[in-house]
C-alpha atoms as a PDB file:
ATOM      1  CA  UNK A   1      -2.946 -11.576   3.041  1.00  0.00           C
ATOM      2  CA  UNK A   2      -6.702 -11.803   2.913  1.00  0.00           C
ATOM      3  CA  UNK A   3      -8.626  -8.613   2.294  1.00  0.00           C
ATOM      4  CA  UNK A   4     -12.375  -7.998   2.284  1.00  0.00           C
ATOM      5  CA  UNK A   5     -13.848  -6.637  -0.947  1.00  0.00           C
ATOM      6  CA  UNK A   6     -14.856  -3.435   0.905  1.00  0.00           C
ATOM      7  CA  UNK A   7     -11.254  -2.728   1.979  1.00  0.00           C
ATOM      8  CA  UNK A   8      -9.911  -3.659  -1.453  1.00  0.00           C
ATOM      9  CA  UNK A   9     -12.400  -1.216  -2.996  1.00  0.00           C
ATOM     10  CA  UNK A  10     -11.141   1.489  -0.601  1.00  0.00           C
ATOM     11  CA  UNK A  11      -7.592   1.017  -1.914  1.00  0.00           C
ATOM     12  CA  UNK A  12      -8.753   1.292  -5.521  1.00  0.00           C
ATOM     13  CA  UNK A  13     -10.990   4.302  -4.787  1.00  0.00           C
ATOM     14  CA  UNK A  14      -8.117   6.102  -3.042  1.00  0.00           C
ATOM     15  CA  UNK A  15      -5.811   5.422  -5.997  1.00  0.00           C
ATOM     16  CA  UNK A  16      -8.385   6.705  -8.494  1.00  0.00           C
ATOM     17  CA  UNK A  17      -9.129   9.810  -6.396  1.00  0.00           C
ATOM     18  CA  UNK A  18      -5.450  10.787  -6.271  1.00  0.00           C
ATOM     19  CA  UNK A  19      -4.684  10.117  -9.946  1.00  0.00           C
ATOM     20  CA  UNK A  20      -2.707  11.244 -11.815  1.00  0.00           C
ATOM     21  CA  UNK A  21      -0.563  11.375  -8.658  1.00  0.00           C
ATOM     22  CA  UNK A  22       0.310   8.272  -6.692  1.00  0.00           C
ATOM     23  CA  UNK A  23      -1.704   7.580  -3.560  1.00  0.00           C
ATOM     24  CA  UNK A  24      -0.279   6.011  -0.420  1.00  0.00           C
ATOM     25  CA  UNK A  25      -1.300   4.600   2.930  1.00  0.00           C
ATOM     26  CA  UNK A  26      -1.142   1.654   5.273  1.00  0.00           C
ATOM     27  CA  UNK A  27      -3.222  -1.448   5.898  1.00  0.00           C
ATOM     28  CA  UNK A  28      -3.741  -2.794   9.403  1.00  0.00           C
ATOM     29  CA  UNK A  29      -4.031  -6.543   9.794  1.00  0.00           C
ATOM     30  CA  UNK A  30      -4.673  -9.243  12.355  1.00  0.00           C
ATOM     31  CA  UNK A  31      -3.493 -12.807  11.785  1.00  0.00           C
ATOM     32  CA  UNK A  32      -2.863 -12.206   8.082  1.00  0.00           C
ATOM     33  CA  UNK A  33      -6.260 -10.615   7.445  1.00  0.00           C
ATOM     34  CA  UNK A  34      -6.613  -6.935   6.532  1.00  0.00           C
ATOM     35  CA  UNK A  35      -8.849  -5.159   9.047  1.00  0.00           C
ATOM     36  CA  UNK A  36      -8.514  -1.448   8.176  1.00  0.00           C
ATOM     37  CA  UNK A  37      -7.195   0.869   5.480  1.00  0.00           C
ATOM     38  CA  UNK A  38      -5.433   4.034   6.621  1.00  0.00           C
ATOM     39  CA  UNK A  39      -5.091   6.468   3.698  1.00  0.00           C
ATOM     40  CA  UNK A  40      -2.231   8.947   3.917  1.00  0.00           C
ATOM     41  CA  UNK A  41      -1.364  12.121   2.073  1.00  0.00           C
ATOM     42  CA  UNK A  42       1.301  11.837  -0.606  1.00  0.00           C
ATOM     43  CA  UNK A  43       3.588  14.682   0.420  1.00  0.00           C
ATOM     44  CA  UNK A  44       5.450  14.343  -2.886  1.00  0.00           C
ATOM     45  CA  UNK A  45       2.217  15.064  -4.820  1.00  0.00           C
ATOM     46  CA  UNK A  46       3.805  13.244  -7.745  1.00  0.00           C
ATOM     47  CA  UNK A  47       2.740  10.743 -10.409  1.00  0.00           C
ATOM     48  CA  UNK A  48       6.159   9.090 -10.051  1.00  0.00           C
ATOM     49  CA  UNK A  49       6.697   8.617  -6.327  1.00  0.00           C
ATOM     50  CA  UNK A  50       5.075   8.797  -2.918  1.00  0.00           C
ATOM     51  CA  UNK A  51       6.163  10.067   0.463  1.00  0.00           C
ATOM     52  CA  UNK A  52       4.243   9.810   3.724  1.00  0.00           C
ATOM     53  CA  UNK A  53       4.922  12.613   6.198  1.00  0.00           C
ATOM     54  CA  UNK A  54       6.789  11.228   9.215  1.00  0.00           C
ATOM     55  CA  UNK A  55       4.271  12.665  11.699  1.00  0.00           C
ATOM     56  CA  UNK A  56       1.314  11.187   9.810  1.00  0.00           C
ATOM     57  CA  UNK A  57       3.121   7.865   9.469  1.00  0.00           C
ATOM     58  CA  UNK A  58       3.689   7.744  13.231  1.00  0.00           C
ATOM     59  CA  UNK A  59       0.036   8.642  13.902  1.00  0.00           C
ATOM     60  CA  UNK A  60      -1.147   5.808  11.645  1.00  0.00           C
ATOM     61  CA  UNK A  61       1.268   3.307  13.180  1.00  0.00           C
ATOM     62  CA  UNK A  62       0.141   4.356  16.682  1.00  0.00           C
ATOM     63  CA  UNK A  63      -3.540   3.948  15.696  1.00  0.00           C
ATOM     64  CA  UNK A  64      -2.823   0.479  14.310  1.00  0.00           C
ATOM     65  CA  UNK A  65      -0.968  -0.539  17.469  1.00  0.00           C
ATOM     66  CA  UNK A  66      -3.559   1.022  19.788  1.00  0.00           C
ATOM     67  CA  UNK A  67      -6.242  -1.062  18.050  1.00  0.00           C
ATOM     68  CA  UNK A  68      -4.233  -4.205  18.775  1.00  0.00           C
ATOM     69  CA  UNK A  69      -3.379  -4.760  15.112  1.00  0.00           C
ATOM     70  CA  UNK A  70      -0.158  -4.919  13.140  1.00  0.00           C
ATOM     71  CA  UNK A  71       1.110  -3.177  10.038  1.00  0.00           C
ATOM     72  CA  UNK A  72       0.061  -5.648   7.372  1.00  0.00           C
ATOM     73  CA  UNK A  73       0.923  -3.611   4.306  1.00  0.00           C
ATOM     74  CA  UNK A  74       2.035  -0.291   2.934  1.00  0.00           C
ATOM     75  CA  UNK A  75       0.209   0.610  -0.237  1.00  0.00           C
ATOM     76  CA  UNK A  76       0.602   3.030  -3.096  1.00  0.00           C
ATOM     77  CA  UNK A  77      -0.434   3.318  -6.693  1.00  0.00           C
ATOM     78  CA  UNK A  78       1.304   3.264 -10.044  1.00  0.00           C
ATOM     79  CA  UNK A  79      -0.693   5.405 -12.419  1.00  0.00           C
ATOM     80  CA  UNK A  80       1.369   4.814 -15.557  1.00  0.00           C
ATOM     81  CA  UNK A  81       3.202   1.548 -15.038  1.00  0.00           C
ATOM     82  CA  UNK A  82       2.539  -2.038 -14.024  1.00  0.00           C
ATOM     83  CA  UNK A  83       1.925  -2.680 -10.302  1.00  0.00           C
ATOM     84  CA  UNK A  84       5.443  -3.994  -9.783  1.00  0.00           C
ATOM     85  CA  UNK A  85       7.970  -2.480  -7.362  1.00  0.00           C
ATOM     86  CA  UNK A  86      10.209   0.121  -8.954  1.00  0.00           C
ATOM     87  CA  UNK A  87      13.840   0.414  -7.923  1.00  0.00           C
ATOM     88  CA  UNK A  88      12.810   3.371  -5.757  1.00  0.00           C
ATOM     89  CA  UNK A  89      10.119   1.237  -4.095  1.00  0.00           C
ATOM     90  CA  UNK A  90      12.715  -1.446  -3.406  1.00  0.00           C
ATOM     91  CA  UNK A  91      15.262   1.043  -2.040  1.00  0.00           C
ATOM     92  CA  UNK A  92      12.689   2.565   0.328  1.00  0.00           C
ATOM     93  CA  UNK A  93      11.175  -0.705   1.602  1.00  0.00           C
ATOM     94  CA  UNK A  94      12.021  -0.293   5.297  1.00  0.00           C
ATOM     95  CA  UNK A  95       9.360  -2.644   6.705  1.00  0.00           C
ATOM     96  CA  UNK A  96      10.416  -6.220   5.856  1.00  0.00           C
ATOM     97  CA  UNK A  97       7.605  -7.755   7.928  1.00  0.00           C
ATOM     98  CA  UNK A  98       4.865  -5.991   5.989  1.00  0.00           C
ATOM     99  CA  UNK A  99       3.662  -6.435   2.445  1.00  0.00           C
ATOM    100  CA  UNK A 100       3.786  -3.741  -0.200  1.00  0.00           C
ATOM    101  CA  UNK A 101       0.537  -3.443  -2.135  1.00  0.00           C
ATOM    102  CA  UNK A 102       0.582  -1.600  -5.444  1.00  0.00           C
ATOM    103  CA  UNK A 103      -2.607  -0.492  -7.176  1.00  0.00           C
ATOM    104  CA  UNK A 104      -1.967  -0.324 -10.918  1.00  0.00           C
ATOM    105  CA  UNK A 105      -4.140   2.122 -12.833  1.00  0.00           C
ATOM    106  CA  UNK A 106      -2.533   2.212 -16.276  1.00  0.00           C
ATOM    107  CA  UNK A 107      -5.366   0.086 -17.699  1.00  0.00           C
ATOM    108  CA  UNK A 108      -9.103   0.769 -17.316  1.00  0.00           C
ATOM    109  CA  UNK A 109      -9.458  -2.180 -14.906  1.00  0.00           C
ATOM    110  CA  UNK A 110      -7.234  -1.785 -11.806  1.00  0.00           C
ATOM    111  CA  UNK A 111      -4.546  -4.387 -11.205  1.00  0.00           C
ATOM    112  CA  UNK A 112      -3.736  -4.794  -7.506  1.00  0.00           C
ATOM    113  CA  UNK A 113      -0.780  -6.909  -6.465  1.00  0.00           C
ATOM    114  CA  UNK A 114       1.129  -7.534  -3.237  1.00  0.00           C
ATOM    115  CA  UNK A 115       4.862  -7.910  -2.787  1.00  0.00           C
ATOM    116  CA  UNK A 116       7.296  -8.874  -0.091  1.00  0.00           C
ATOM    117  CA  UNK A 117      10.506  -6.823  -0.196  1.00  0.00           C
ATOM    118  CA  UNK A 118      13.288  -7.959   2.120  1.00  0.00           C
ATOM    119  CA  UNK A 119      16.900  -6.801   1.819  1.00  0.00           C
ATOM    120  CA  UNK A 120      16.326  -5.713  -1.777  1.00  0.00           C
ATOM    121  CA  UNK A 121      14.836  -9.069  -2.765  1.00  0.00           C
ATOM    122  CA  UNK A 122      11.336  -8.926  -4.256  1.00  0.00           C
ATOM    123  CA  UNK A 123       8.803 -11.742  -4.355  1.00  0.00           C
ATOM    124  CA  UNK A 124       5.120 -11.636  -5.137  1.00  0.00           C
ATOM    125  CA  UNK A 125       2.804 -12.334  -2.215  1.00  0.00           C
ATOM    126  CA  UNK A 126      -0.705 -13.671  -2.262  1.00  0.00           C
ATOM    127  CA  UNK A 127      -3.519 -11.143  -1.943  1.00  0.00           C
ATOM    128  CA  UNK A 128      -6.867 -12.899  -1.566  1.00  0.00           C
ATOM    129  CA  UNK A 129      -9.951 -10.732  -2.024  1.00  0.00           C
ATOM    130  CA  UNK A 130     -12.930 -12.125  -0.144  1.00  0.00           C
END
């Protein structure tokens, strides 16, 4: 997925604003290019996991569809660990067509990586910041 620097910076800013808890949200895309970031509230309010309220999730998905876009990625942050999918992340990956972006904040410089998670299988995906 390609992502503009401005949208990438929004992901990082959201993660930093929610720390020490994890942040979460969705990224709309068109033809493999991120076009909008949709921050969500982490209902779990936890540094170890995230949960998007079902009503808010539906509202975001409707907004993405109404704009003629697709769900390109679901994002969240890891505030204490590397930006790699945890077993919980893998177990709760219900959107095989979208990427999973994780913003790692354990080091002073954020580490943002994208993953494809399909049927429990994890592979790193390309995230190109333009």
